[in-house]
Amino acid sequence: MNKILLLSNNDNVKPLYEWLNERYDVALFHEPLTVDIITAISPDLVISYNYHHIVKEDVLNIMGDRIINMHISYLPWNKGADPNIWSFIDDTPKGVTIHRMEKGCDTGKIIFQKQITFDESKETLYSTYSKLHKEIVNLLIEKWDDIRTFNYTLKDQDGLGSSHRTSDLVSLLKGRSIDYSMTIKEFKKFISTGDN
């Protein structure tokens, strides 16, 4: 493996980019991905991490098993937007997942995943979000030799799980703002009571 295309729209990609860039020729890309871009870059592997664009089916068909996504939820729970927040609102399993990209949002077969627990009386929305990002980068690094050589067994996502859009959270909040420094316990009270 020589060339990696890393897709992201978030600054928290920096530690992963730096780690990969020490080892490979890495292109960091923020815009919608097209077949022409894939053809021009000709990557051995595409990694999507906090990427805000849907990868179209023609790109998925070209890349096949060589396009993966890093998602900060324990799939099949909390596909889509704001996975950390919804894991607390819906009280679903928390964790991180590396999966094959397929048509649909966070629907691909699981490569590796890790379940994570939090102390809800001490952890905040910000600290849990940061911890999940640290854990998913660590998981990719820990399993990198297997990922780069495709030495893994794909696992189906078990059950329907849950899925959310950005508009779901906007609708739930009804104009209120989230304070990311509140503990998870405080956040759950805020959501259930509507207190600001």
Protein backbone atom coordinates (compact mmCIF):
# COMPACT_ATOMS: atom_id res chain seq x y z
CA MET A 1 0.00 0.00 0.00
CA ASN A 2 1.42 3.35 -1.06
CA LYS A 3 -1.33 5.91 -1.54
CA ILE A 4 -4.22 6.74 0.81
CA LEU A 5 -7.07 9.17 0.23
CA LEU A 6 -8.35 10.53 3.55
CA LEU A 7 -11.79 12.17 3.43
CA SER A 8 -12.72 14.59 6.21
CA ASN A 9 -14.35 17.94 6.94
CA ASN A 10 -13.21 18.26 10.55
CA ASP A 11 -10.01 19.35 12.29
CA ASN A 12 -10.08 16.28 14.54
CA VAL A 13 -8.70 14.34 11.56
CA LYS A 14 -5.26 15.90 12.19
CA PRO A 15 -3.77 13.17 14.49
CA LEU A 16 -4.83 10.44 12.05
CA TYR A 17 -3.56 12.39 9.05
CA GLU A 18 -0.18 12.95 10.72
CA TRP A 19 0.15 9.28 11.69
CA LEU A 20 -0.71 8.05 8.19
CA ASN A 21 1.38 10.74 6.48
CA GLU A 22 4.53 9.54 8.27
CA ARG A 23 4.06 6.16 6.57
CA TYR A 24 2.30 6.74 3.24
CA ASP A 25 1.53 9.24 0.52
CA VAL A 26 -1.72 10.70 1.91
CA ALA A 27 -4.10 13.05 0.13
CA LEU A 28 -6.52 14.86 2.47
CA PHE A 29 -9.75 15.71 0.66
CA HIS A 30 -12.76 17.79 1.80
CA GLU A 31 -14.99 18.13 -1.28
CA PRO A 32 -17.53 15.66 -2.73
CA LEU A 33 -15.70 12.64 -4.14
CA THR A 34 -16.10 11.80 -7.83
CA VAL A 35 -14.90 9.07 -10.16
CA ASP A 36 -12.59 11.62 -11.85
CA ILE A 37 -10.88 12.37 -8.53
CA ILE A 38 -10.49 8.65 -7.77
CA THR A 39 -9.01 8.14 -11.23
CA ALA A 40 -6.59 11.07 -10.84
CA ILE A 41 -5.38 10.09 -7.35
CA SER A 42 -5.62 6.31 -7.83
CA PRO A 43 -5.58 5.49 -4.09
CA ASP A 44 -4.91 2.03 -2.70
CA LEU A 45 -7.34 2.78 0.13
CA VAL A 46 -9.93 5.49 0.88
CA ILE A 47 -10.65 6.29 4.53
CA SER A 48 -13.65 8.45 5.41
CA TYR A 49 -13.57 10.07 8.85
CA ASN A 50 -15.97 12.89 9.80
CA TYR A 51 -16.70 13.44 6.12
CA HIS A 52 -19.90 15.40 5.46
CA HIS A 53 -20.59 14.24 1.91
CA ILE A 54 -22.39 11.11 0.74
CA VAL A 55 -20.07 8.99 -1.37
CA LYS A 56 -21.91 8.12 -4.58
CA GLU A 57 -22.46 4.59 -5.79
CA ASP A 58 -20.20 4.92 -8.85
CA VAL A 59 -17.24 5.70 -6.54
CA LEU A 60 -18.18 2.84 -4.20
CA ASN A 61 -18.30 0.46 -7.18
CA ILE A 62 -14.82 1.46 -8.31
CA MET A 63 -13.26 1.19 -4.85
CA GLY A 64 -15.08 -1.99 -3.73
CA ASP A 65 -13.57 -3.23 -0.46
CA ARG A 66 -10.93 -0.47 -0.56
CA ILE A 67 -13.15 2.26 0.91
CA ILE A 68 -13.86 2.33 4.65
CA ASN A 69 -15.53 4.66 7.12
CA MET A 70 -14.71 5.52 10.74
CA HIS A 71 -17.87 6.27 12.74
CA ILE A 72 -18.09 7.26 16.42
CA SER A 73 -20.97 5.00 17.31
CA TYR A 74 -21.44 1.32 18.07
CA LEU A 75 -23.17 0.39 14.81
CA PRO A 76 -25.89 -0.38 14.00
CA TRP A 77 -26.81 2.17 16.67
CA ASN A 78 -26.78 5.88 15.84
CA LYS A 79 -26.04 5.89 12.15
CA GLY A 80 -25.86 9.37 10.65
CA ALA A 81 -25.60 12.70 12.45
CA ASP A 82 -24.71 13.43 16.07
CA PRO A 83 -24.10 9.80 17.09
CA ASN A 84 -22.59 10.62 20.47
CA ILE A 85 -25.50 12.83 21.52
CA TRP A 86 -28.15 10.34 20.35
CA SER A 87 -26.48 7.48 22.20
CA PHE A 88 -27.33 9.32 25.44
CA ILE A 89 -30.76 10.57 24.37
CA ASP A 90 -31.86 7.08 23.29
CA ASP A 91 -29.72 5.21 25.86
CA THR A 92 -28.18 2.97 23.21
CA PRO A 93 -24.77 1.24 23.18
CA LYS A 94 -21.81 3.59 22.87
CA GLY A 95 -18.59 2.95 20.99
CA VAL A 96 -16.72 3.27 17.72
CA THR A 97 -16.88 1.35 14.46
CA ILE A 98 -14.72 0.96 11.37
CA HIS A 99 -16.83 -0.39 8.51
CA ARG A 100 -16.89 -0.92 4.78
CA MET A 101 -18.65 1.85 2.93
CA GLU A 102 -21.74 0.74 1.07
CA LYS A 103 -24.73 2.51 -0.41
CA GLY A 104 -26.62 4.24 2.40
CA CYS A 105 -25.46 6.05 5.52
CA ASP A 106 -23.23 4.02 7.88
CA THR A 107 -24.77 0.77 6.61
CA GLY A 108 -21.69 -1.22 5.58
CA LYS A 109 -20.37 -4.41 7.08
CA ILE A 110 -18.29 -4.03 10.23
CA ILE A 111 -14.52 -4.44 10.06
CA PHE A 112 -13.69 -3.61 13.70
CA GLN A 113 -15.58 -2.01 16.56
CA LYS A 114 -15.19 -1.33 20.25
CA GLN A 115 -17.83 -0.69 22.89
CA ILE A 116 -17.10 2.14 25.35
CA THR A 117 -18.69 3.04 28.68
CA PHE A 118 -18.85 6.44 30.34
CA ASP A 119 -19.40 7.68 33.89
CA GLU A 120 -22.42 9.86 33.18
CA SER A 121 -22.13 11.79 36.43
CA LYS A 122 -18.57 12.93 35.57
CA GLU A 123 -18.21 12.85 31.77
CA THR A 124 -19.47 15.77 29.68
CA LEU A 125 -20.75 15.85 26.13
CA TYR A 126 -17.42 17.37 25.13
CA SER A 127 -15.29 14.80 26.99
CA THR A 128 -17.28 11.85 25.62
CA TYR A 129 -17.00 13.23 22.08
CA SER A 130 -13.24 13.69 22.49
CA LYS A 131 -12.85 10.23 23.98
CA LEU A 132 -14.72 8.59 21.10
CA HIS A 133 -12.51 10.32 18.54
CA LYS A 134 -9.38 9.27 20.41
CA GLU A 135 -10.68 5.69 20.65
CA ILE A 136 -11.53 5.37 16.95
CA VAL A 137 -8.13 6.66 15.85
CA ASN A 138 -6.47 4.29 18.33
CA LEU A 139 -8.58 1.40 17.01
CA LEU A 140 -7.51 2.09 13.44
CA ILE A 141 -3.84 2.36 14.44
CA GLU A 142 -4.04 -0.80 16.58
CA LYS A 143 -5.66 -2.78 13.74
CA TRP A 144 -3.80 -1.06 10.91
CA ASP A 145 -1.76 -4.07 9.76
CA ASP A 146 -4.98 -6.07 9.36
CA ILE A 147 -6.80 -3.18 7.69
CA ARG A 148 -4.07 -2.40 5.16
CA THR A 149 -3.73 -6.09 4.21
CA PHE A 150 -7.51 -6.71 4.28
CA ASN A 151 -6.90 -9.42 6.88
CA TYR A 152 -10.25 -9.31 8.66
CA THR A 153 -13.63 -10.98 8.62
CA LEU A 154 -16.54 -8.71 7.80
CA LYS A 155 -19.47 -8.84 10.21
CA ASP A 156 -23.05 -7.89 9.40
CA GLN A 157 -24.57 -5.10 11.43
CA ASP A 158 -26.80 -6.86 13.95
CA GLY A 159 -30.39 -5.60 13.80
CA LEU A 160 -31.87 -2.32 12.61
CA GLY A 161 -30.23 -0.14 15.25
CA SER A 162 -31.06 3.56 14.87
CA SER A 163 -30.39 6.44 12.52
CA HIS A 164 -30.60 10.22 12.83
CA ARG A 165 -30.36 13.31 10.65
CA THR A 166 -29.13 16.74 11.72
CA SER A 167 -32.74 17.95 11.54
CA ASP A 168 -33.77 15.38 14.20
CA LEU A 169 -31.69 17.12 16.86
CA VAL A 170 -32.81 20.58 15.72
CA SER A 171 -36.42 19.43 16.04
CA LEU A 172 -35.85 17.92 19.49
CA LEU A 173 -34.12 21.04 20.84
CA LYS A 174 -36.89 23.42 19.62
CA GLY A 175 -34.52 26.40 19.50
CA ARG A 176 -32.60 25.60 22.68
CA SER A 177 -28.79 25.36 22.66
CA ILE A 178 -26.70 22.54 24.08
CA ASP A 179 -23.95 23.36 26.57
CA TYR A 180 -21.28 20.76 25.78
CA SER A 181 -19.66 21.25 29.20
CA MET A 182 -22.69 19.83 31.04
CA THR A 183 -22.34 16.30 32.38
CA ILE A 184 -24.25 13.54 30.63
CA LYS A 185 -26.54 13.32 33.66
CA GLU A 186 -27.26 17.06 33.37
CA PHE A 187 -27.75 16.72 29.63
CA LYS A 188 -30.32 13.94 30.06
CA LYS A 189 -32.24 16.15 32.51
CA PHE A 190 -31.99 19.07 30.07
CA ILE A 191 -33.45 16.92 27.27
CA SER A 192 -36.23 15.39 29.38
CA THR A 193 -37.37 18.58 31.12
CA GLY A 194 -36.60 21.24 28.56
CA ASP A 195 -34.57 23.23 31.14
CA ASN A 196 -31.95 25.61 29.80
